[in-house]
C-alpha atoms as a PDB file:
ATOM      1  CA  TRP A   1       0.243   0.014   0.060  1.00  0.00           C
ATOM      2  CA  LEU A   2       3.234   2.796   0.984  1.00  0.00           C
ATOM      3  CA  LEU A   3       4.779   1.619  -2.306  1.00  0.00           C
ATOM      4  CA  ASP A   4       1.410   2.460  -4.444  1.00  0.00           C
ATOM      5  CA  PRO A   5       2.756   4.555  -7.561  1.00  0.00           C
ATOM      6  CA  ALA A   6      -0.044   6.133  -7.767  1.00  0.00           C
ATOM      7  CA  THR A   7       1.369   8.061  -4.348  1.00  0.00           C
ATOM      8  CA  PRO A   8       5.080   8.916  -5.047  1.00  0.00           C
ATOM      9  CA  ALA A   9       6.227  10.864  -2.198  1.00  0.00           C
ATOM     10  CA  VAL A  10       4.855   8.344  -0.015  1.00  0.00           C
ATOM     11  CA  SER A  11       7.030   5.502  -2.362  1.00  0.00           C
ATOM     12  CA  HIS A  12      10.053   7.372  -1.754  1.00  0.00           C
ATOM     13  CA  VAL A  13      10.325   7.512   1.980  1.00  0.00           C
ATOM     14  CA  ALA A  14       9.473   4.275   2.897  1.00  0.00           C
ATOM     15  CA  LEU A  15      12.217   2.779   0.365  1.00  0.00           C
ATOM     16  CA  ARG A  16      14.123   5.160   2.131  1.00  0.00           C
ATOM     17  CA  ASP A  17      13.001   4.625   6.010  1.00  0.00           C
ATOM     18  CA  LEU A  18      11.220   1.638   5.870  1.00  0.00           C
ATOM     19  CA  ASP A  19      13.269  -0.422   3.271  1.00  0.00           C
ATOM     20  CA  GLY A  20      16.439   1.383   4.343  1.00  0.00           C
ATOM     21  CA  ARG A  21      17.498   2.025   0.431  1.00  0.00           C
ATOM     22  CA  PRO A  22      20.269   4.402  -0.079  1.00  0.00           C
ATOM     23  CA  GLY A  23      19.931   7.211  -2.116  1.00  0.00           C
ATOM     24  CA  ASP A  24      21.279   6.414  -5.211  1.00  0.00           C
ATOM     25  CA  ASP A  25      19.100   3.822  -5.865  1.00  0.00           C
ATOM     26  CA  PRO A  26      17.757   2.943  -8.916  1.00  0.00           C
ATOM     27  CA  GLU A  27      13.630   2.795  -7.547  1.00  0.00           C
ATOM     28  CA  VAL A  28      14.502   5.797  -4.783  1.00  0.00           C
ATOM     29  CA  THR A  29      15.673   8.298  -7.031  1.00  0.00           C
ATOM     30  CA  GLU A  30      12.878   7.061  -9.648  1.00  0.00           C
ATOM     31  CA  ALA A  31      10.414   7.584  -6.971  1.00  0.00           C
ATOM     32  CA  ARG A  32      11.865  10.909  -5.895  1.00  0.00           C
ATOM     33  CA  ALA A  33      11.717  11.954  -9.004  1.00  0.00           C
ATOM     34  CA  ARG A  34       7.867  11.044  -9.885  1.00  0.00           C
ATOM     35  CA  ALA A  35       7.184  12.770  -6.605  1.00  0.00           C
ATOM     36  CA  MET A  36       8.736  16.181  -7.731  1.00  0.00           C
ATOM     37  CA  LEU A  37       6.275  15.939 -10.656  1.00  0.00           C
ATOM     38  CA  SER A  38       3.122  14.802  -8.166  1.00  0.00           C
ATOM     39  CA  GLU A  39       0.886  16.514  -5.877  1.00  0.00           C
ATOM     40  CA  PRO A  40       1.352  17.706  -3.154  1.00  0.00           C
ATOM     41  CA  ILE A  41       5.376  18.997  -3.796  1.00  0.00           C
ATOM     42  CA  ALA A  42       4.446  19.551  -7.093  1.00  0.00           C
ATOM     43  CA  GLY A  43       1.349  21.754  -6.160  1.00  0.00           C
ATOM     44  CA  ILE A  44       3.184  23.780  -3.042  1.00  0.00           C
ATOM     45  CA  LEU A  45       6.366  24.643  -5.550  1.00  0.00           C
ATOM     46  CA  ALA A  46       4.170  25.717  -8.029  1.00  0.00           C
ATOM     47  CA  ALA A  47       2.653  28.253  -5.730  1.00  0.00           C
ATOM     48  CA  GLN A  48       6.310  29.657  -4.667  1.00  0.00           C
ATOM     49  CA  HIS A  49       7.142  33.115  -5.850  1.00  0.00           C
ATOM     50  CA  PRO A  50      10.138  33.495  -7.989  1.00  0.00           C
ATOM     51  CA  GLY A  51      12.339  35.398  -5.093  1.00  0.00           C
ATOM     52  CA  GLY A  52      11.604  31.984  -2.953  1.00  0.00           C
ATOM     53  CA  TRP A  53       8.981  32.947  -0.640  1.00  0.00           C
ATOM     54  CA  TRP A  54       5.159  32.276  -0.384  1.00  0.00           C
ATOM     55  CA  GLU A  55       1.908  34.186  -0.103  1.00  0.00           C
ATOM     56  CA  LYS A  56       4.256  37.266   0.879  1.00  0.00           C
ATOM     57  CA  PRO A  57       8.134  38.383   1.422  1.00  0.00           C
ATOM     58  CA  GLY A  58       9.416  38.525   5.062  1.00  0.00           C
ATOM     59  CA  PRO A  59       9.970  36.247   8.073  1.00  0.00           C
ATOM     60  CA  GLY A  60       6.965  33.886   6.593  1.00  0.00           C
ATOM     61  CA  TYR A  61       5.102  32.445   9.559  1.00  0.00           C
ATOM     62  CA  ALA A  62       1.530  34.116   8.316  1.00  0.00           C
ATOM     63  CA  THR A  63      -0.567  32.755   7.244  1.00  0.00           C
ATOM     64  CA  LYS A  64      -0.654  29.495   8.791  1.00  0.00           C
ATOM     65  CA  TYR A  65      -0.095  26.960   6.663  1.00  0.00           C
ATOM     66  CA  ARG A  66       0.689  29.028   3.895  1.00  0.00           C
ATOM     67  CA  GLY A  67       3.431  31.391   4.249  1.00  0.00           C
ATOM     68  CA  THR A  68       7.068  30.753   3.653  1.00  0.00           C
ATOM     69  CA  VAL A  69       8.545  28.616   6.592  1.00  0.00           C
ATOM     70  CA  TRP A  70       5.295  25.856   6.984  1.00  0.00           C
ATOM     71  CA  GLN A  71       6.355  25.369   2.772  1.00  0.00           C
ATOM     72  CA  LEU A  72       9.745  24.295   3.651  1.00  0.00           C
ATOM     73  CA  ILE A  73       8.916  22.266   6.669  1.00  0.00           C
ATOM     74  CA  PHE A  74       6.264  20.494   4.975  1.00  0.00           C
ATOM     75  CA  LEU A  75       8.403  19.600   1.842  1.00  0.00           C
ATOM     76  CA  ASP A  76      10.790  18.571   4.024  1.00  0.00           C
ATOM     77  CA  GLN A  77       8.057  16.269   6.131  1.00  0.00           C
ATOM     78  CA  LEU A  78       7.099  14.785   2.274  1.00  0.00           C
ATOM     79  CA  GLY A  79      11.008  14.291   1.323  1.00  0.00           C
ATOM     80  CA  ALA A  80      11.322  16.704  -1.337  1.00  0.00           C
ATOM     81  CA  ASP A  81      14.803  16.807  -3.383  1.00  0.00           C
ATOM     82  CA  PRO A  82      17.103  19.056  -2.071  1.00  0.00           C
ATOM     83  CA  ALA A  83      18.676  19.758  -4.819  1.00  0.00           C
ATOM     84  CA  ALA A  84      15.774  20.810  -6.275  1.00  0.00           C
ATOM     85  CA  PRO A  85      16.260  25.042  -7.449  1.00  0.00           C
ATOM     86  CA  GLY A  86      12.800  25.767  -5.681  1.00  0.00           C
ATOM     87  CA  VAL A  87      13.752  24.110  -2.344  1.00  0.00           C
ATOM     88  CA  ARG A  88      17.519  25.416  -2.710  1.00  0.00           C
ATOM     89  CA  ARG A  89      15.437  29.394  -2.606  1.00  0.00           C
ATOM     90  CA  ALA A  90      13.216  28.278  -0.157  1.00  0.00           C
ATOM     91  CA  CYS A  91      16.131  27.577   2.289  1.00  0.00           C
ATOM     92  CA  ALA A  92      18.535  30.504   1.200  1.00  0.00           C
ATOM     93  CA  TYR A  93      14.996  32.620   1.746  1.00  0.00           C
ATOM     94  CA  VAL A  94      14.706  31.415   4.716  1.00  0.00           C
ATOM     95  CA  LEU A  95      17.706  31.586   6.321  1.00  0.00           C
ATOM     96  CA  ASP A  96      18.150  35.108   4.793  1.00  0.00           C
ATOM     97  CA  HIS A  97      14.967  36.846   6.056  1.00  0.00           C
ATOM     98  CA  SER A  98      13.713  34.262   9.507  1.00  0.00           C
ATOM     99  CA  GLN A  99      16.586  34.463  11.755  1.00  0.00           C
ATOM    100  CA  ALA A 100      16.933  36.948  14.703  1.00  0.00           C
ATOM    101  CA  VAL A 101      20.269  38.872  15.413  1.00  0.00           C
ATOM    102  CA  THR A 102      20.319  35.945  18.455  1.00  0.00           C
ATOM    103  CA  GLY A 103      20.260  32.578  15.693  1.00  0.00           C
ATOM    104  CA  GLY A 104      17.401  31.516  16.074  1.00  0.00           C
ATOM    105  CA  PHE A 105      14.317  31.875  13.990  1.00  0.00           C
ATOM    106  CA  GLY A 106      11.650  33.711  15.149  1.00  0.00           C
ATOM    107  CA  ALA A 107       7.305  33.510  14.533  1.00  0.00           C
ATOM    108  CA  SER A 108       7.184  37.028  12.435  1.00  0.00           C
ATOM    109  CA  GLY A 109       4.060  37.323  10.144  1.00  0.00           C
ATOM    110  CA  THR A 110       5.407  40.895   8.720  1.00  0.00           C
ATOM    111  CA  SER A 111       5.777  41.464   5.355  1.00  0.00           C
ATOM    112  CA  ALA A 112       8.213  43.648   5.632  1.00  0.00           C
ATOM    113  CA  GLU A 113      11.752  42.007   4.636  1.00  0.00           C
ATOM    114  CA  THR A 114      13.588  42.568   8.112  1.00  0.00           C
ATOM    115  CA  ALA A 115      14.489  39.938  10.370  1.00  0.00           C
ATOM    116  CA  PRO A 116      12.058  38.925  13.755  1.00  0.00           C
ATOM    117  CA  PRO A 117      12.700  40.237  16.411  1.00  0.00           C
ATOM    118  CA  PRO A 118      14.985  38.154  19.482  1.00  0.00           C
ATOM    119  CA  SER A 119      11.288  37.685  21.217  1.00  0.00           C
ATOM    120  CA  ALA A 120       9.863  36.130  18.461  1.00  0.00           C
ATOM    121  CA  VAL A 121      11.706  32.847  18.518  1.00  0.00           C
ATOM    122  CA  ILE A 122      10.267  29.592  19.676  1.00  0.00           C
ATOM    123  CA  HIS A 123      11.577  26.144  20.040  1.00  0.00           C
ATOM    124  CA  CYS A 124       8.919  24.980  17.784  1.00  0.00           C
ATOM    125  CA  LEU A 125       9.471  26.941  14.984  1.00  0.00           C
ATOM    126  CA  ASN A 126      13.343  26.742  15.315  1.00  0.00           C
ATOM    127  CA  GLY A 127      13.486  23.174  16.209  1.00  0.00           C
ATOM    128  CA  ASN A 128      11.159  22.658  12.501  1.00  0.00           C
ATOM    129  CA  LEU A 129      13.398  24.589  10.108  1.00  0.00           C
ATOM    130  CA  VAL A 130      17.002  23.476  11.248  1.00  0.00           C
ATOM    131  CA  ARG A 131      15.481  19.552  11.269  1.00  0.00           C
ATOM    132  CA  ALA A 132      14.266  20.397   7.051  1.00  0.00           C
ATOM    133  CA  LEU A 133      17.205  23.135   6.678  1.00  0.00           C
ATOM    134  CA  VAL A 134      19.440  19.984   7.696  1.00  0.00           C
ATOM    135  CA  GLY A 135      17.819  17.493   5.895  1.00  0.00           C
ATOM    136  CA  PHE A 136      18.024  19.396   3.084  1.00  0.00           C
ATOM    137  CA  GLY A 137      22.313  19.952   3.823  1.00  0.00           C
ATOM    138  CA  TRP A 138      22.944  23.019   5.533  1.00  0.00           C
ATOM    139  CA  LEU A 139      23.864  21.648   7.969  1.00  0.00           C
ATOM    140  CA  GLU A 140      27.648  23.690   7.698  1.00  0.00           C
ATOM    141  CA  ASP A 141      26.303  26.838   7.130  1.00  0.00           C
ATOM    142  CA  ASP A 142      26.823  29.268   9.640  1.00  0.00           C
ATOM    143  CA  ARG A 143      23.497  30.017   9.890  1.00  0.00           C
ATOM    144  CA  VAL A 144      22.210  26.757  10.578  1.00  0.00           C
ATOM    145  CA  GLN A 145      25.321  26.708  12.987  1.00  0.00           C
ATOM    146  CA  ARG A 146      24.487  29.654  14.623  1.00  0.00           C
ATOM    147  CA  ALA A 147      20.457  28.182  15.050  1.00  0.00           C
ATOM    148  CA  ILE A 148      21.555  25.018  16.137  1.00  0.00           C
ATOM    149  CA  GLU A 149      23.917  26.695  19.168  1.00  0.00           C
ATOM    150  CA  TRP A 150      20.501  28.671  19.971  1.00  0.00           C
ATOM    151  CA  GLU A 151      18.335  25.787  20.198  1.00  0.00           C
ATOM    152  CA  ALA A 152      20.931  23.978  22.399  1.00  0.00           C
ATOM    153  CA  ARG A 153      21.516  26.994  24.570  1.00  0.00           C
ATOM    154  CA  ALA A 154      18.021  27.362  24.840  1.00  0.00           C
ATOM    155  CA  ILE A 155      17.394  24.161  26.278  1.00  0.00           C
ATOM    156  CA  THR A 156      20.183  24.007  28.467  1.00  0.00           C
ATOM    157  CA  GLY A 157      20.418  27.391  29.860  1.00  0.00           C
ATOM    158  CA  GLU A 158      24.354  27.377  28.909  1.00  0.00           C
ATOM    159  CA  GLY A 159      24.860  31.404  28.265  1.00  0.00           C
ATOM    160  CA  VAL A 160      21.484  32.732  27.531  1.00  0.00           C
ATOM    161  CA  GLU A 161      21.588  36.556  28.657  1.00  0.00           C
ATOM    162  CA  ARG A 162      18.649  37.664  28.455  1.00  0.00           C
ATOM    163  CA  TRP A 163      14.509  35.624  28.047  1.00  0.00           C
ATOM    164  CA  TYR A 164      11.874  37.046  26.719  1.00  0.00           C
ATOM    165  CA  ALA A 165       8.134  37.063  28.390  1.00  0.00           C
ATOM    166  CA  SER A 166       6.741  36.926  24.706  1.00  0.00           C
ATOM    167  CA  GLY A 167       8.282  34.175  23.571  1.00  0.00           C
ATOM    168  CA  THR A 168      11.302  31.356  25.255  1.00  0.00           C
ATOM    169  CA  SER A 169      10.562  32.269  28.694  1.00  0.00           C
ATOM    170  CA  GLY A 170      13.441  30.128  30.119  1.00  0.00           C
ATOM    171  CA  ALA A 171      15.792  27.214  30.036  1.00  0.00           C
ATOM    172  CA  GLY A 172      14.243  23.463  29.560  1.00  0.00           C
ATOM    173  CA  PHE A 173      11.557  24.473  27.103  1.00  0.00           C
ATOM    174  CA  ALA A 174       9.626  27.675  29.215  1.00  0.00           C
ATOM    175  CA  CYS A 175       7.751  29.253  26.691  1.00  0.00           C
ATOM    176  CA  ALA A 176       5.100  31.922  26.822  1.00  0.00           C
ATOM    177  CA  ALA A 177       2.882  29.863  25.090  1.00  0.00           C
ATOM    178  CA  ASN A 178       2.156  27.941  27.787  1.00  0.00           C
ATOM    179  CA  GLU A 179       2.274  30.296  30.875  1.00  0.00           C
ATOM    180  CA  GLY A 180       5.916  30.583  30.931  1.00  0.00           C
ATOM    181  CA  LEU A 181       6.067  26.335  31.880  1.00  0.00           C
ATOM    182  CA  PRO A 182       8.059  24.283  30.095  1.00  0.00           C
ATOM    183  CA  CYS A 183       6.251  23.164  27.055  1.00  0.00           C
ATOM    184  CA  ALA A 184       6.509  19.539  25.617  1.00  0.00           C
ATOM    185  CA  TRP A 185       5.156  20.576  21.470  1.00  0.00           C
ATOM    186  CA  GLY A 186       8.464  22.896  21.690  1.00  0.00           C
ATOM    187  CA  ALA A 187      10.484  20.053  23.352  1.00  0.00           C
ATOM    188  CA  VAL A 188       9.781  17.295  20.256  1.00  0.00           C
ATOM    189  CA  LYS A 189      10.582  19.702  17.986  1.00  0.00           C
ATOM    190  CA  GLY A 190      13.591  21.377  19.462  1.00  0.00           C
ATOM    191  CA  LEU A 191      15.055  17.755  19.935  1.00  0.00           C
ATOM    192  CA  LEU A 192      13.837  16.406  16.181  1.00  0.00           C
ATOM    193  CA  ALA A 193      16.671  19.652  14.689  1.00  0.00           C
ATOM    194  CA  LEU A 194      19.153  18.024  17.118  1.00  0.00           C
ATOM    195  CA  ALA A 195      18.211  14.668  16.560  1.00  0.00           C
ATOM    196  CA  ARG A 196      18.797  14.682  13.090  1.00  0.00           C
ATOM    197  CA  ILE A 197      22.622  15.899  13.127  1.00  0.00           C
ATOM    198  CA  PRO A 198      24.792  12.811  12.630  1.00  0.00           C
ATOM    199  CA  PRO A 199      26.242  11.932  16.379  1.00  0.00           C
ATOM    200  CA  GLY A 200      29.527  12.066  14.743  1.00  0.00           C
ATOM    201  CA  LEU A 201      28.762  16.047  14.086  1.00  0.00           C
ATOM    202  CA  ARG A 202      27.159  17.075  17.643  1.00  0.00           C
ATOM    203  CA  SER A 203      29.120  19.162  20.172  1.00  0.00           C
ATOM    204  CA  PRO A 204      29.586  18.501  23.537  1.00  0.00           C
ATOM    205  CA  LEU A 205      27.017  21.398  24.187  1.00  0.00           C
ATOM    206  CA  VAL A 206      24.294  19.418  21.685  1.00  0.00           C
ATOM    207  CA  GLU A 207      24.654  16.387  23.658  1.00  0.00           C
ATOM    208  CA  ARG A 208      23.596  18.028  26.837  1.00  0.00           C
ATOM    209  CA  ALA A 209      21.197  19.239  25.418  1.00  0.00           C
ATOM    210  CA  ILE A 210      20.007  16.216  23.650  1.00  0.00           C
ATOM    211  CA  GLU A 211      20.129  14.247  26.906  1.00  0.00           C
ATOM    212  CA  SER A 212      18.418  16.931  28.990  1.00  0.00           C
ATOM    213  CA  GLY A 213      15.297  17.429  26.607  1.00  0.00           C
ATOM    214  CA  ALA A 214      14.957  13.448  26.721  1.00  0.00           C
ATOM    215  CA  ALA A 215      15.009  13.126  30.110  1.00  0.00           C
ATOM    216  CA  PHE A 216      11.939  16.078  30.176  1.00  0.00           C
ATOM    217  CA  LEU A 217       9.860  13.712  27.663  1.00  0.00           C
ATOM    218  CA  LEU A 218      10.371  10.575  29.436  1.00  0.00           C
ATOM    219  CA  SER A 219       9.815  12.328  32.498  1.00  0.00           C
ATOM    220  CA  ARG A 220       6.178  11.584  31.819  1.00  0.00           C
ATOM    221  CA  ASP A 221       4.154   9.115  30.058  1.00  0.00           C
ATOM    222  CA  PRO A 222       4.132   9.924  26.720  1.00  0.00           C
ATOM    223  CA  ALA A 223       0.587   7.909  26.477  1.00  0.00           C
ATOM    224  CA  THR A 224      -0.594  10.403  29.136  1.00  0.00           C
ATOM    225  CA  ALA A 225       1.096  13.681  27.547  1.00  0.00           C
ATOM    226  CA  ASP A 226       0.252  14.950  30.601  1.00  0.00           C
ATOM    227  CA  TYR A 227       3.460  17.560  30.726  1.00  0.00           C
ATOM    228  CA  PRO A 228       3.221  21.259  32.344  1.00  0.00           C
ATOM    229  CA  MET A 229       0.093  22.398  31.537  1.00  0.00           C
ATOM    230  CA  GLY A 230      -0.369  26.669  31.548  1.00  0.00           C
ATOM    231  CA  TRP A 231      -3.688  28.479  31.469  1.00  0.00           C
ATOM    232  CA  GLY A 232      -6.154  27.067  34.096  1.00  0.00           C
ATOM    233  CA  ASN A 233      -5.463  23.629  31.824  1.00  0.00           C
ATOM    234  CA  THR A 234      -5.897  20.739  33.488  1.00  0.00           C
ATOM    235  CA  ARG A 235      -5.924  17.905  30.562  1.00  0.00           C
ATOM    236  CA  PRO A 236      -3.711  17.368  27.670  1.00  0.00           C
ATOM    237  CA  SER A 237      -4.655  19.112  24.915  1.00  0.00           C
ATOM    238  CA  ARG A 238      -6.726  17.008  22.711  1.00  0.00           C
ATOM    239  CA  SER A 239      -3.861  17.151  19.642  1.00  0.00           C
ATOM    240  CA  TRP A 240      -1.905  14.905  21.639  1.00  0.00           C
ATOM    241  CA  PHE A 241      -3.744  12.300  21.171  1.00  0.00           C
ATOM    242  CA  ARG A 242      -4.646  12.807  17.328  1.00  0.00           C
ATOM    243  CA  LEU A 243      -2.286  11.155  14.273  1.00  0.00           C
ATOM    244  CA  GLY A 244      -1.435  13.684  11.296  1.00  0.00           C
ATOM    245  CA  PHE A 245       0.096  14.807   8.444  1.00  0.00           C
ATOM    246  CA  PRO A 246       1.719  16.889   7.850  1.00  0.00           C
ATOM    247  CA  SER A 247       3.329  18.457  10.904  1.00  0.00           C
ATOM    248  CA  GLY A 248       3.272  22.737  11.989  1.00  0.00           C
ATOM    249  CA  TYR A 249       3.621  23.655  15.287  1.00  0.00           C
ATOM    250  CA  VAL A 250       1.712  21.031  16.838  1.00  0.00           C
ATOM    251  CA  SER A 251       3.135  17.606  17.940  1.00  0.00           C
ATOM    252  CA  ASP A 252       0.802  14.303  18.680  1.00  0.00           C
ATOM    253  CA  ILE A 253       2.298  10.998  20.595  1.00  0.00           C
ATOM    254  CA  LEU A 254       3.443   9.609  17.679  1.00  0.00           C
ATOM    255  CA  GLN A 255       6.349  12.496  16.899  1.00  0.00           C
ATOM    256  CA  ASN A 256       7.136  12.308  20.819  1.00  0.00           C
ATOM    257  CA  LEU A 257       8.162   8.598  20.040  1.00  0.00           C
ATOM    258  CA  GLU A 258       9.367   9.496  16.897  1.00  0.00           C
ATOM    259  CA  VAL A 259      11.847  11.317  18.292  1.00  0.00           C
ATOM    260  CA  LEU A 260      13.085   9.204  20.714  1.00  0.00           C
ATOM    261  CA  CYS A 261      13.356   6.591  18.304  1.00  0.00           C
ATOM    262  CA  GLU A 262      15.548   8.994  16.636  1.00  0.00           C
ATOM    263  CA  LEU A 263      17.555   9.456  19.606  1.00  0.00           C
ATOM    264  CA  GLY A 264      18.186   5.486  20.198  1.00  0.00           C
ATOM    265  CA  TYR A 265      14.995   5.410  23.220  1.00  0.00           C
ATOM    266  CA  GLY A 266      12.920   2.500  20.565  1.00  0.00           C
ATOM    267  CA  THR A 267      13.308  -0.404  23.057  1.00  0.00           C
ATOM    268  CA  ASP A 268      12.710   1.867  25.907  1.00  0.00           C
ATOM    269  CA  ALA A 269       9.942   0.182  28.281  1.00  0.00           C
ATOM    270  CA  ARG A 270       9.183   3.565  29.131  1.00  0.00           C
ATOM    271  CA  LEU A 271       7.906   3.779  25.824  1.00  0.00           C
ATOM    272  CA  ARG A 272       5.641   0.650  25.929  1.00  0.00           C
ATOM    273  CA  SER A 273       2.464   2.028  26.792  1.00  0.00           C
ATOM    274  CA  SER A 274       2.699   4.580  24.117  1.00  0.00           C
ATOM    275  CA  ILE A 275       3.388   1.671  21.925  1.00  0.00           C
ATOM    276  CA  ASP A 276       0.129  -0.051  22.656  1.00  0.00           C
ATOM    277  CA  TRP A 277      -1.961   2.999  22.397  1.00  0.00           C
ATOM    278  CA  LEU A 278      -0.312   3.116  18.945  1.00  0.00           C
ATOM    279  CA  LEU A 279      -1.217  -0.727  18.063  1.00  0.00           C
ATOM    280  CA  ALA A 280      -5.111   0.200  19.272  1.00  0.00           C
ATOM    281  CA  LYS A 281      -5.544   2.897  16.825  1.00  0.00           C
ATOM    282  CA  GLN A 282      -4.905   0.485  14.052  1.00  0.00           C
ATOM    283  CA  ASP A 283      -7.550  -0.504  11.700  1.00  0.00           C
ATOM    284  CA  ALA A 284      -8.046  -3.928  10.232  1.00  0.00           C
ATOM    285  CA  LEU A 285      -5.854  -3.314   7.655  1.00  0.00           C
ATOM    286  CA  GLY A 286      -3.072  -2.333   8.996  1.00  0.00           C
ATOM    287  CA  ARG A 287      -3.580   0.995   8.510  1.00  0.00           C
ATOM    288  CA  TRP A 288      -3.536   4.130  10.721  1.00  0.00           C
ATOM    289  CA  ARG A 289      -6.162   7.532  10.082  1.00  0.00           C
ATOM    290  CA  ASN A 290      -5.107  11.230   9.524  1.00  0.00           C
ATOM    291  CA  GLU A 291      -6.849  12.722  12.371  1.00  0.00           C
ATOM    292  CA  TYR A 292      -5.141  15.856  12.057  1.00  0.00           C
ATOM    293  CA  ALA A 293      -5.029  16.856   8.310  1.00  0.00           C
ATOM    294  CA  TYR A 294      -4.827  20.848   8.062  1.00  0.00           C
ATOM    295  CA  ASN A 295      -7.476  19.901   5.357  1.00  0.00           C
ATOM    296  CA  GLY A 296      -8.140  23.603   4.005  1.00  0.00           C
ATOM    297  CA  LYS A 297      -5.594  25.630   5.024  1.00  0.00           C
ATOM    298  CA  THR A 298      -2.667  24.675   2.789  1.00  0.00           C
ATOM    299  CA  TRP A 299      -1.962  25.368  -0.778  1.00  0.00           C
ATOM    300  CA  GLY A 300      -3.292  21.765  -1.371  1.00  0.00           C
ATOM    301  CA  ASP A 301      -4.708  18.905   0.673  1.00  0.00           C
ATOM    302  CA  ILE A 302      -2.287  16.229   1.367  1.00  0.00           C
ATOM    303  CA  GLU A 303      -5.105  13.663   2.718  1.00  0.00           C
ATOM    304  CA  ARG A 304      -8.440  13.963   3.977  1.00  0.00           C
ATOM    305  CA  GLN A 305      -9.244  14.349   7.349  1.00  0.00           C
ATOM    306  CA  GLY A 306     -10.480  11.064   9.107  1.00  0.00           C
ATOM    307  CA  GLN A 307      -9.363   9.009   6.213  1.00  0.00           C
ATOM    308  CA  PRO A 308      -6.943   6.042   5.925  1.00  0.00           C
ATOM    309  CA  SER A 309      -3.113   7.639   5.393  1.00  0.00           C
ATOM    310  CA  LYS A 310      -0.381   6.881   4.123  1.00  0.00           C
ATOM    311  CA  TRP A 311       1.909   9.109   5.729  1.00  0.00           C
ATOM    312  CA  VAL A 312       0.325   8.278   9.168  1.00  0.00           C
ATOM    313  CA  THR A 313       0.711   4.781   8.632  1.00  0.00           C
ATOM    314  CA  LEU A 314       3.988   5.423   7.166  1.00  0.00           C
ATOM    315  CA  ARG A 315       5.003   7.445  10.336  1.00  0.00           C
ATOM    316  CA  VAL A 316       3.771   4.600  12.463  1.00  0.00           C
ATOM    317  CA  CYS A 317       5.756   2.231  10.567  1.00  0.00           C
ATOM    318  CA  ARG A 318       9.249   4.047  11.122  1.00  0.00           C
ATOM    319  CA  VAL A 319       8.785   4.148  15.030  1.00  0.00           C
ATOM    320  CA  LEU A 320       7.832   0.358  14.787  1.00  0.00           C
ATOM    321  CA  LYS A 321      10.669  -0.574  13.028  1.00  0.00           C
ATOM    322  CA  ALA A 322      12.818   1.153  16.024  1.00  0.00           C
ATOM    323  CA  THR A 323      11.017  -0.413  18.504  1.00  0.00           C
ATOM    324  CA  ARG A 324      11.938  -3.642  16.779  1.00  0.00           C
ATOM    325  CA  ALA A 325      15.890  -3.029  16.734  1.00  0.00           C
END
């Protein structure tokens, strides 16, 4: 089902991640080439302005989810070709316009082509963009290195001179969106960025940040997701329990498992209840539904809300593979 040529983007990522095929495998390169000419990747790139942005110039956070930064994040999740001209233009534009002077990427929706303020930098956006940029081959770019350093220092608190009431408001994922409490969604996104750095290229600072972040995510049962909740909330957001694709700033239980598996915790006994929860959501044909599909909010619907999902099923299979390593 996942290798159906009718959905070449899914087929490409499944061959790469589930079969473990190398990037130069003929079937992988053929599927990727077809994916670049098919929906949803082709539709996203067709909507791109020649200057590299989507919808309007500037840092690109607005609108959700048609602005520039979201397209770069989604193209990465869809397995787009890093060498494609539109992808390279998007990476260059984001690096030129979405980074604050402190190094992190900021959530600003202005149409002015000015850098976002440091007070707009948050873990979820920085993590998503760093992960995409590393995946697209920009790890050695000095600007990406600065964003990685911001992420690691914002996790550990090392060398941070100032926090902001309107953004990242303290070490350990403290965030204004969560009333200054640690935000687990931000933790998932930030660690997804650091996890994509090859182990041999991680600095001691990054290693400390990963250790601290993983300890935070494992401090609660991922199946219950009862991480710190601000603004009087006493129950975790329902979004934790709705598996979806693509993924913006919201995280679900599956994405929590994804990053912990990438960091080597796939066989950790603390994930057992989450795996059981995940398996209980499988249908009789072995598939999982897309319960958070962003329908009507993106340049084109990727899948139908509530229907069996190749992308969600692929995400689950990657986790199950890691838990059986």
